[in-house]
Amino acid sequence: MSNDPQAPSSCCGTTSAANPAADSSGRENLLAGGGEDTTTCPVMVGTPVVKAVAEAQGLFRDFEGERYWFCCAGCGPAFDSDPAKYAANMA
């Protein structure tokens, strides 16, 4: 057992040390583009996402004719586990 503090984990488990584009919480800043078309992540509710950046990184899913964009790679598999639940977060 260790008393070393653990780095906070995000939904995708990245840290700013592993990803220099990540903010202090470990999430990559997908708003770096400024005034682009944005949405929020249906898994990490309230986390803003630039659609074009997320799409370029493959961080999206289509469900029942709608596209959902994610803040990190960990959110796609979570969405896949219960897409109806997460899609309801966006309603």
PDB file of N, CA and C in Angstrom:
ATOM      1  N   MET A   1       0.850  -1.178   0.000  1.00  0.00           N
ATOM      2  CA  MET A   1       0.000   0.000   0.000  1.00  0.00           C
ATOM      3  C   MET A   1       0.890   1.233   0.000  1.00  0.00           C
ATOM      4  N   SER A   2       0.488   2.239  -0.732  1.00  0.00           N
ATOM      5  CA  SER A   2       1.296   3.443  -0.871  1.00  0.00           C
ATOM      6  C   SER A   2       0.488   4.654  -0.449  1.00  0.00           C
ATOM      7  N   ASN A   3       1.162   5.642   0.078  1.00  0.00           N
ATOM      8  CA  ASN A   3       0.502   6.887   0.444  1.00  0.00           C
ATOM      9  C   ASN A   3       0.645   7.948  -0.634  1.00  0.00           C
ATOM     10  N   ASP A   4       1.211   7.565  -1.785  1.00  0.00           N
ATOM     11  CA  ASP A   4       1.371   8.525  -2.879  1.00  0.00           C
ATOM     12  C   ASP A   4       0.007   8.929  -3.404  1.00  0.00           C
ATOM     13  N   PRO A   5      -0.193  10.223  -3.636  1.00  0.00           N
ATOM     14  CA  PRO A   5      -1.487  10.657  -4.177  1.00  0.00           C
ATOM     15  C   PRO A   5      -1.657  10.148  -5.596  1.00  0.00           C
ATOM     16  N   GLN A   6      -2.854   9.735  -5.897  1.00  0.00           N
ATOM     17  CA  GLN A   6      -3.182   9.265  -7.233  1.00  0.00           C
ATOM     18  C   GLN A   6      -3.641  10.445  -8.076  1.00  0.00           C
ATOM     19  N   ALA A   7      -3.252  10.448  -9.352  1.00  0.00           N
ATOM     20  CA  ALA A   7      -3.713  11.488 -10.267  1.00  0.00           C
ATOM     21  C   ALA A   7      -5.194  11.287 -10.509  1.00  0.00           C
ATOM     22  N   PRO A   8      -5.955  12.369 -10.641  1.00  0.00           N
ATOM     23  CA  PRO A   8      -7.381  12.212 -10.913  1.00  0.00           C
ATOM     24  C   PRO A   8      -7.570  11.548 -12.270  1.00  0.00           C
ATOM     25  N   SER A   9      -8.552  10.679 -12.368  1.00  0.00           N
ATOM     26  CA  SER A   9      -8.798  10.023 -13.639  1.00  0.00           C
ATOM     27  C   SER A   9      -9.998  10.653 -14.312  1.00  0.00           C
ATOM     28  N   SER A  10      -9.967  10.655 -15.622  1.00  0.00           N
ATOM     29  CA  SER A  10     -11.102  11.139 -16.391  1.00  0.00           C
ATOM     30  C   SER A  10     -11.804   9.923 -16.972  1.00  0.00           C
ATOM     31  N   CYS A  11     -12.816  10.146 -17.763  1.00  0.00           N
ATOM     32  CA  CYS A  11     -13.559   9.032 -18.335  1.00  0.00           C
ATOM     33  C   CYS A  11     -12.694   8.198 -19.261  1.00  0.00           C
ATOM     34  N   CYS A  12     -11.644   8.780 -19.821  1.00  0.00           N
ATOM     35  CA  CYS A  12     -10.792   8.013 -20.736  1.00  0.00           C
ATOM     36  C   CYS A  12      -9.470   7.635 -20.096  1.00  0.00           C
ATOM     37  N   GLY A  13      -9.221   8.019 -18.872  1.00  0.00           N
ATOM     38  CA  GLY A  13      -8.034   7.608 -18.156  1.00  0.00           C
ATOM     39  C   GLY A  13      -6.753   8.303 -18.583  1.00  0.00           C
ATOM     40  N   THR A  14      -6.846   9.368 -19.372  1.00  0.00           N
ATOM     41  CA  THR A  14      -5.632  10.070 -19.763  1.00  0.00           C
ATOM     42  C   THR A  14      -5.278  11.090 -18.708  1.00  0.00           C
ATOM     43  N   THR A  15      -4.032  11.450 -18.659  1.00  0.00           N
ATOM     44  CA  THR A  15      -3.595  12.509 -17.771  1.00  0.00           C
ATOM     45  C   THR A  15      -2.896  13.565 -18.591  1.00  0.00           C
ATOM     46  N   SER A  16      -2.727  14.732 -18.048  1.00  0.00           N
ATOM     47  CA  SER A  16      -2.068  15.799 -18.784  1.00  0.00           C
ATOM     48  C   SER A  16      -0.619  15.443 -19.071  1.00  0.00           C
ATOM     49  N   ALA A  17       0.011  14.588 -18.251  1.00  0.00           N
ATOM     50  CA  ALA A  17       1.383  14.170 -18.519  1.00  0.00           C
ATOM     51  C   ALA A  17       1.439  13.291 -19.761  1.00  0.00           C
ATOM     52  N   ALA A  18       0.426  12.450 -19.947  1.00  0.00           N
ATOM     53  CA  ALA A  18       0.381  11.577 -21.115  1.00  0.00           C
ATOM     54  C   ALA A  18      -0.111  12.316 -22.348  1.00  0.00           C
ATOM     55  N   ASN A  19      -0.847  13.378 -22.147  1.00  0.00           N
ATOM     56  CA  ASN A  19      -1.439  14.120 -23.247  1.00  0.00           C
ATOM     57  C   ASN A  19      -1.226  15.606 -23.001  1.00  0.00           C
ATOM     58  N   PRO A  20      -0.225  16.212 -23.636  1.00  0.00           N
ATOM     59  CA  PRO A  20       0.063  17.617 -23.370  1.00  0.00           C
ATOM     60  C   PRO A  20      -1.069  18.562 -23.755  1.00  0.00           C
ATOM     61  N   ALA A  21      -2.017  18.108 -24.583  1.00  0.00           N
ATOM     62  CA  ALA A  21      -3.153  18.957 -24.939  1.00  0.00           C
ATOM     63  C   ALA A  21      -4.274  18.868 -23.915  1.00  0.00           C
ATOM     64  N   ALA A  22      -4.090  18.052 -22.883  1.00  0.00           N
ATOM     65  CA  ALA A  22      -5.118  17.866 -21.870  1.00  0.00           C
ATOM     66  C   ALA A  22      -5.077  18.997 -20.849  1.00  0.00           C
ATOM     67  N   ASP A  23      -6.228  19.276 -20.274  1.00  0.00           N
ATOM     68  CA  ASP A  23      -6.286  20.282 -19.219  1.00  0.00           C
ATOM     69  C   ASP A  23      -5.886  19.642 -17.895  1.00  0.00           C
ATOM     70  N   SER A  24      -5.988  20.373 -16.817  1.00  0.00           N
ATOM     71  CA  SER A  24      -5.534  19.870 -15.520  1.00  0.00           C
ATOM     72  C   SER A  24      -6.345  18.677 -15.029  1.00  0.00           C
ATOM     73  N   SER A  25      -7.561  18.471 -15.557  1.00  0.00           N
ATOM     74  CA  SER A  25      -8.353  17.316 -15.150  1.00  0.00           C
ATOM     75  C   SER A  25      -7.994  16.085 -15.960  1.00  0.00           C
ATOM     76  N   GLY A  26      -7.116  16.243 -16.972  1.00  0.00           N
ATOM     77  CA  GLY A  26      -6.715  15.117 -17.783  1.00  0.00           C
ATOM     78  C   GLY A  26      -7.462  14.999 -19.089  1.00  0.00           C
ATOM     79  N   ARG A  27      -8.487  15.794 -19.278  1.00  0.00           N
ATOM     80  CA  ARG A  27      -9.252  15.740 -20.524  1.00  0.00           C
ATOM     81  C   ARG A  27      -8.623  16.647 -21.563  1.00  0.00           C
ATOM     82  N   GLU A  28      -8.621  16.175 -22.802  1.00  0.00           N
ATOM     83  CA  GLU A  28      -8.117  16.989 -23.893  1.00  0.00           C
ATOM     84  C   GLU A  28      -9.062  18.162 -24.107  1.00  0.00           C
ATOM     85  N   ASN A  29      -8.504  19.329 -24.397  1.00  0.00           N
ATOM     86  CA  ASN A  29      -9.309  20.523 -24.631  1.00  0.00           C
ATOM     87  C   ASN A  29      -9.855  20.479 -26.047  1.00  0.00           C
ATOM     88  N   LEU A  30     -11.099  20.022 -26.201  1.00  0.00           N
ATOM     89  CA  LEU A  30     -11.720  19.948 -27.513  1.00  0.00           C
ATOM     90  C   LEU A  30     -12.373  21.270 -27.898  1.00  0.00           C
ATOM     91  N   LEU A  31     -12.189  22.315 -27.092  1.00  0.00           N
ATOM     92  CA  LEU A  31     -12.718  23.631 -27.421  1.00  0.00           C
ATOM     93  C   LEU A  31     -11.621  24.563 -27.906  1.00  0.00           C
ATOM     94  N   ALA A  32     -10.460  24.036 -28.196  1.00  0.00           N
ATOM     95  CA  ALA A  32      -9.333  24.862 -28.601  1.00  0.00           C
ATOM     96  C   ALA A  32      -9.625  25.644 -29.874  1.00  0.00           C
ATOM     97  N   GLY A  33     -10.580  25.182 -30.668  1.00  0.00           N
ATOM     98  CA  GLY A  33     -10.876  25.825 -31.935  1.00  0.00           C
ATOM     99  C   GLY A  33     -11.677  27.108 -31.818  1.00  0.00           C
ATOM    100  N   GLY A  34     -12.189  27.432 -30.656  1.00  0.00           N
ATOM    101  CA  GLY A  34     -12.904  28.689 -30.487  1.00  0.00           C
ATOM    102  C   GLY A  34     -14.373  28.599 -30.842  1.00  0.00           C
ATOM    103  N   GLY A  35     -14.824  29.435 -31.791  1.00  0.00           N
ATOM    104  CA  GLY A  35     -16.241  29.605 -32.074  1.00  0.00           C
ATOM    105  C   GLY A  35     -16.858  28.560 -32.966  1.00  0.00           C
ATOM    106  N   GLU A  36     -16.323  27.381 -33.003  1.00  0.00           N
ATOM    107  CA  GLU A  36     -16.874  26.335 -33.851  1.00  0.00           C
ATOM    108  C   GLU A  36     -18.163  25.772 -33.270  1.00  0.00           C
ATOM    109  N   ASP A  37     -18.847  24.959 -34.086  1.00  0.00           N
ATOM    110  CA  ASP A  37     -20.094  24.325 -33.677  1.00  0.00           C
ATOM    111  C   ASP A  37     -19.822  23.366 -32.522  1.00  0.00           C
ATOM    112  N   THR A  38     -20.449  23.613 -31.384  1.00  0.00           N
ATOM    113  CA  THR A  38     -20.205  22.802 -30.196  1.00  0.00           C
ATOM    114  C   THR A  38     -21.473  22.107 -29.717  1.00  0.00           C
ATOM    115  N   THR A  39     -21.259  21.108 -28.891  1.00  0.00           N
ATOM    116  CA  THR A  39     -22.331  20.389 -28.222  1.00  0.00           C
ATOM    117  C   THR A  39     -21.787  19.980 -26.856  1.00  0.00           C
ATOM    118  N   THR A  40     -22.506  19.146 -26.150  1.00  0.00           N
ATOM    119  CA  THR A  40     -21.983  18.609 -24.902  1.00  0.00           C
ATOM    120  C   THR A  40     -21.932  17.093 -25.008  1.00  0.00           C
ATOM    121  N   CYS A  41     -21.052  16.496 -24.242  1.00  0.00           N
ATOM    122  CA  CYS A  41     -20.892  15.043 -24.229  1.00  0.00           C
ATOM    123  C   CYS A  41     -22.088  14.417 -23.514  1.00  0.00           C
ATOM    124  N   PRO A  42     -22.746  13.423 -24.127  1.00  0.00           N
ATOM    125  CA  PRO A  42     -23.894  12.793 -23.463  1.00  0.00           C
ATOM    126  C   PRO A  42     -23.497  11.898 -22.289  1.00  0.00           C
ATOM    127  N   VAL A  43     -22.237  11.496 -22.205  1.00  0.00           N
ATOM    128  CA  VAL A  43     -21.780  10.629 -21.121  1.00  0.00           C
ATOM    129  C   VAL A  43     -21.286  11.473 -19.954  1.00  0.00           C
ATOM    130  N   MET A  44     -20.405  12.408 -20.218  1.00  0.00           N
ATOM    131  CA  MET A  44     -19.899  13.335 -19.201  1.00  0.00           C
ATOM    132  C   MET A  44     -20.741  14.608 -19.325  1.00  0.00           C
ATOM    133  N   VAL A  45     -21.953  14.544 -18.841  1.00  0.00           N
ATOM    134  CA  VAL A  45     -22.950  15.591 -19.035  1.00  0.00           C
ATOM    135  C   VAL A  45     -22.395  16.966 -18.677  1.00  0.00           C
ATOM    136  N   GLY A  46     -22.569  17.895 -19.598  1.00  0.00           N
ATOM    137  CA  GLY A  46     -22.124  19.265 -19.385  1.00  0.00           C
ATOM    138  C   GLY A  46     -20.737  19.551 -19.920  1.00  0.00           C
ATOM    139  N   THR A  47     -19.994  18.519 -20.318  1.00  0.00           N
ATOM    140  CA  THR A  47     -18.655  18.732 -20.857  1.00  0.00           C
ATOM    141  C   THR A  47     -18.783  19.169 -22.313  1.00  0.00           C
ATOM    142  N   PRO A  48     -18.323  20.382 -22.639  1.00  0.00           N
ATOM    143  CA  PRO A  48     -18.461  20.878 -24.015  1.00  0.00           C
ATOM    144  C   PRO A  48     -17.499  20.174 -24.969  1.00  0.00           C
ATOM    145  N   VAL A  49     -17.949  20.018 -26.220  1.00  0.00           N
ATOM    146  CA  VAL A  49     -17.175  19.341 -27.256  1.00  0.00           C
ATOM    147  C   VAL A  49     -17.352  20.093 -28.573  1.00  0.00           C
ATOM    148  N   VAL A  50     -16.259  20.331 -29.302  1.00  0.00           N
ATOM    149  CA  VAL A  50     -16.330  20.876 -30.660  1.00  0.00           C
ATOM    150  C   VAL A  50     -16.599  19.694 -31.578  1.00  0.00           C
ATOM    151  N   LYS A  51     -17.710  19.745 -32.276  1.00  0.00           N
ATOM    152  CA  LYS A  51     -18.134  18.614 -33.101  1.00  0.00           C
ATOM    153  C   LYS A  51     -17.076  18.211 -34.118  1.00  0.00           C
ATOM    154  N   ALA A  52     -16.514  19.164 -34.850  1.00  0.00           N
ATOM    155  CA  ALA A  52     -15.544  18.851 -35.906  1.00  0.00           C
ATOM    156  C   ALA A  52     -14.291  18.182 -35.346  1.00  0.00           C
ATOM    157  N   VAL A  53     -13.832  18.637 -34.197  1.00  0.00           N
ATOM    158  CA  VAL A  53     -12.632  18.058 -33.582  1.00  0.00           C
ATOM    159  C   VAL A  53     -12.931  16.636 -33.116  1.00  0.00           C
ATOM    160  N   ALA A  54     -14.045  16.454 -32.444  1.00  0.00           N
ATOM    161  CA  ALA A  54     -14.414  15.121 -31.965  1.00  0.00           C
ATOM    162  C   ALA A  54     -14.610  14.172 -33.140  1.00  0.00           C
ATOM    163  N   GLU A  55     -15.248  14.653 -34.189  1.00  0.00           N
ATOM    164  CA  GLU A  55     -15.489  13.799 -35.351  1.00  0.00           C
ATOM    165  C   GLU A  55     -14.175  13.395 -36.018  1.00  0.00           C
ATOM    166  N   ALA A  56     -13.244  14.330 -36.136  1.00  0.00           N
ATOM    167  CA  ALA A  56     -11.937  14.036 -36.736  1.00  0.00           C
ATOM    168  C   ALA A  56     -11.190  12.974 -35.939  1.00  0.00           C
ATOM    169  N   GLN A  57     -11.451  12.906 -34.640  1.00  0.00           N
ATOM    170  CA  GLN A  57     -10.792  11.933 -33.768  1.00  0.00           C
ATOM    171  C   GLN A  57     -11.604  10.649 -33.605  1.00  0.00           C
ATOM    172  N   GLY A  58     -12.747  10.563 -34.284  1.00  0.00           N
ATOM    173  CA  GLY A  58     -13.584   9.370 -34.191  1.00  0.00           C
ATOM    174  C   GLY A  58     -14.369   9.280 -32.901  1.00  0.00           C
ATOM    175  N   LEU A  59     -14.552  10.406 -32.224  1.00  0.00           N
ATOM    176  CA  LEU A  59     -15.247  10.425 -30.939  1.00  0.00           C
ATOM    177  C   LEU A  59     -16.727  10.751 -31.131  1.00  0.00           C
ATOM    178  N   PHE A  60     -17.443   9.849 -31.803  1.00  0.00           N
ATOM    179  CA  PHE A  60     -18.865  10.049 -32.042  1.00  0.00           C
ATOM    180  C   PHE A  60     -19.529   8.701 -32.281  1.00  0.00           C
ATOM    181  N   ARG A  61     -20.843   8.668 -32.125  1.00  0.00           N
ATOM    182  CA  ARG A  61     -21.659   7.505 -32.458  1.00  0.00           C
ATOM    183  C   ARG A  61     -22.959   8.029 -33.061  1.00  0.00           C
ATOM    184  N   ASP A  62     -23.556   7.221 -33.936  1.00  0.00           N
ATOM    185  CA  ASP A  62     -24.886   7.498 -34.472  1.00  0.00           C
ATOM    186  C   ASP A  62     -25.865   6.551 -33.798  1.00  0.00           C
ATOM    187  N   PHE A  63     -26.998   7.102 -33.364  1.00  0.00           N
ATOM    188  CA  PHE A  63     -28.021   6.301 -32.700  1.00  0.00           C
ATOM    189  C   PHE A  63     -29.377   6.853 -33.063  1.00  0.00           C
ATOM    190  N   GLU A  64     -30.238   6.001 -33.597  1.00  0.00           N
ATOM    191  CA  GLU A  64     -31.598   6.364 -33.993  1.00  0.00           C
ATOM    192  C   GLU A  64     -31.633   7.645 -34.818  1.00  0.00           C
ATOM    193  N   GLY A  65     -30.751   7.728 -35.806  1.00  0.00           N
ATOM    194  CA  GLY A  65     -30.748   8.851 -36.739  1.00  0.00           C
ATOM    195  C   GLY A  65     -30.100  10.131 -36.225  1.00  0.00           C
ATOM    196  N   GLU A  66     -29.544  10.106 -35.041  1.00  0.00           N
ATOM    197  CA  GLU A  66     -28.879  11.283 -34.464  1.00  0.00           C
ATOM    198  C   GLU A  66     -27.409  10.963 -34.234  1.00  0.00           C
ATOM    199  N   ARG A  67     -26.556  11.991 -34.322  1.00  0.00           N
ATOM    200  CA  ARG A  67     -25.125  11.824 -34.038  1.00  0.00           C
ATOM    201  C   ARG A  67     -24.829  12.419 -32.661  1.00  0.00           C
ATOM    202  N   TYR A  68     -24.010  11.703 -31.897  1.00  0.00           N
ATOM    203  CA  TYR A  68     -23.590  12.119 -30.556  1.00  0.00           C
ATOM    204  C   TYR A  68     -22.070  12.189 -30.538  1.00  0.00           C
ATOM    205  N   TRP A  69     -21.519  13.275 -30.032  1.00  0.00           N
ATOM    206  CA  TRP A  69     -20.084  13.509 -29.982  1.00  0.00           C
ATOM    207  C   TRP A  69     -19.616  13.406 -28.540  1.00  0.00           C
ATOM    208  N   PHE A  70     -18.366  12.911 -28.350  1.00  0.00           N
ATOM    209  CA  PHE A  70     -17.853  12.643 -27.012  1.00  0.00           C
ATOM    210  C   PHE A  70     -16.625  13.474 -26.694  1.00  0.00           C
ATOM    211  N   CYS A  71     -16.395  13.667 -25.401  1.00  0.00           N
ATOM    212  CA  CYS A  71     -15.256  14.455 -24.929  1.00  0.00           C
ATOM    213  C   CYS A  71     -13.961  13.661 -24.901  1.00  0.00           C
ATOM    214  N   CYS A  72     -14.036  12.323 -24.881  1.00  0.00           N
ATOM    215  CA  CYS A  72     -12.826  11.501 -24.844  1.00  0.00           C
ATOM    216  C   CYS A  72     -13.141  10.097 -25.339  1.00  0.00           C
ATOM    217  N   ALA A  73     -12.108   9.315 -25.559  1.00  0.00           N
ATOM    218  CA  ALA A  73     -12.253   7.963 -26.103  1.00  0.00           C
ATOM    219  C   ALA A  73     -13.011   7.023 -25.160  1.00  0.00           C
ATOM    220  N   GLY A  74     -12.992   7.271 -23.875  1.00  0.00           N
ATOM    221  CA  GLY A  74     -13.684   6.413 -22.926  1.00  0.00           C
ATOM    222  C   GLY A  74     -15.199   6.536 -22.975  1.00  0.00           C
ATOM    223  N   CYS A  75     -15.682   7.624 -23.530  1.00  0.00           N
ATOM    224  CA  CYS A  75     -17.126   7.839 -23.551  1.00  0.00           C
ATOM    225  C   CYS A  75     -17.844   7.023 -24.625  1.00  0.00           C
ATOM    226  N   GLY A  76     -17.165   6.691 -25.714  1.00  0.00           N
ATOM    227  CA  GLY A  76     -17.792   5.886 -26.771  1.00  0.00           C
ATOM    228  C   GLY A  76     -18.250   4.530 -26.264  1.00  0.00           C
ATOM    229  N   PRO A  77     -17.362   3.755 -25.635  1.00  0.00           N
ATOM    230  CA  PRO A  77     -17.785   2.454 -25.103  1.00  0.00           C
ATOM    231  C   PRO A  77     -18.866   2.571 -24.020  1.00  0.00           C
ATOM    232  N   ALA A  78     -18.793   3.611 -23.213  1.00  0.00           N
ATOM    233  CA  ALA A  78     -19.833   3.813 -22.200  1.00  0.00           C
ATOM    234  C   ALA A  78     -21.180   4.056 -22.891  1.00  0.00           C
ATOM    235  N   PHE A  79     -21.184   4.888 -23.922  1.00  0.00           N
ATOM    236  CA  PHE A  79     -22.398   5.161 -24.689  1.00  0.00           C
ATOM    237  C   PHE A  79     -22.931   3.866 -25.295  1.00  0.00           C
ATOM    238  N   ASP A  80     -22.031   3.054 -25.852  1.00  0.00           N
ATOM    239  CA  ASP A  80     -22.428   1.796 -26.486  1.00  0.00           C
ATOM    240  C   ASP A  80     -23.132   0.854 -25.508  1.00  0.00           C
ATOM    241  N   SER A  81     -22.793   0.929 -24.227  1.00  0.00           N
ATOM    242  CA  SER A  81     -23.383   0.038 -23.239  1.00  0.00           C
ATOM    243  C   SER A  81     -24.868   0.310 -23.017  1.00  0.00           C
ATOM    244  N   ASP A  82     -25.315   1.548 -23.233  1.00  0.00           N
ATOM    245  CA  ASP A  82     -26.732   1.905 -23.055  1.00  0.00           C
ATOM    246  C   ASP A  82     -27.034   3.192 -23.818  1.00  0.00           C
ATOM    247  N   PRO A  83     -27.038   3.129 -25.154  1.00  0.00           N
ATOM    248  CA  PRO A  83     -27.202   4.352 -25.946  1.00  0.00           C
ATOM    249  C   PRO A  83     -28.497   5.119 -25.655  1.00  0.00           C
ATOM    250  N   ALA A  84     -29.588   4.415 -25.389  1.00  0.00           N
ATOM    251  CA  ALA A  84     -30.855   5.106 -25.116  1.00  0.00           C
ATOM    252  C   ALA A  84     -30.739   5.964 -23.863  1.00  0.00           C
ATOM    253  N   LYS A  85     -30.068   5.446 -22.844  1.00  0.00           N
ATOM    254  CA  LYS A  85     -29.884   6.190 -21.591  1.00  0.00           C
ATOM    255  C   LYS A  85     -29.109   7.482 -21.847  1.00  0.00           C
ATOM    256  N   TYR A  86     -27.979   7.363 -22.571  1.00  0.00           N
ATOM    257  CA  TYR A  86     -27.141   8.531 -22.804  1.00  0.00           C
ATOM    258  C   TYR A  86     -27.764   9.504 -23.811  1.00  0.00           C
ATOM    259  N   ALA A  87     -28.503   8.983 -24.778  1.00  0.00           N
ATOM    260  CA  ALA A  87     -29.185   9.855 -25.728  1.00  0.00           C
ATOM    261  C   ALA A  87     -30.245  10.689 -24.997  1.00  0.00           C
ATOM    262  N   ALA A  88     -30.875  10.106 -23.981  1.00  0.00           N
ATOM    263  CA  ALA A  88     -31.871  10.841 -23.192  1.00  0.00           C
ATOM    264  C   ALA A  88     -31.251  12.015 -22.462  1.00  0.00           C
ATOM    265  N   ASN A  89     -29.934  11.939 -22.161  1.00  0.00           N
ATOM    266  CA  ASN A  89     -29.260  13.065 -21.504  1.00  0.00           C
ATOM    267  C   ASN A  89     -29.228  14.300 -22.378  1.00  0.00           C
ATOM    268  N   MET A  90     -29.373  14.117 -23.683  1.00  0.00           N
ATOM    269  CA  MET A  90     -29.285  15.222 -24.621  1.00  0.00           C
ATOM    270  C   MET A  90     -30.650  15.805 -24.958  1.00  0.00           C
ATOM    271  N   ALA A  91     -31.711  15.182 -24.487  1.00  0.00           N
ATOM    272  CA  ALA A  91     -33.072  15.642 -24.804  1.00  0.00           C
ATOM    273  C   ALA A  91     -33.417  16.914 -24.065  1.00  0.00           C
TER     274      ALA A  91
END
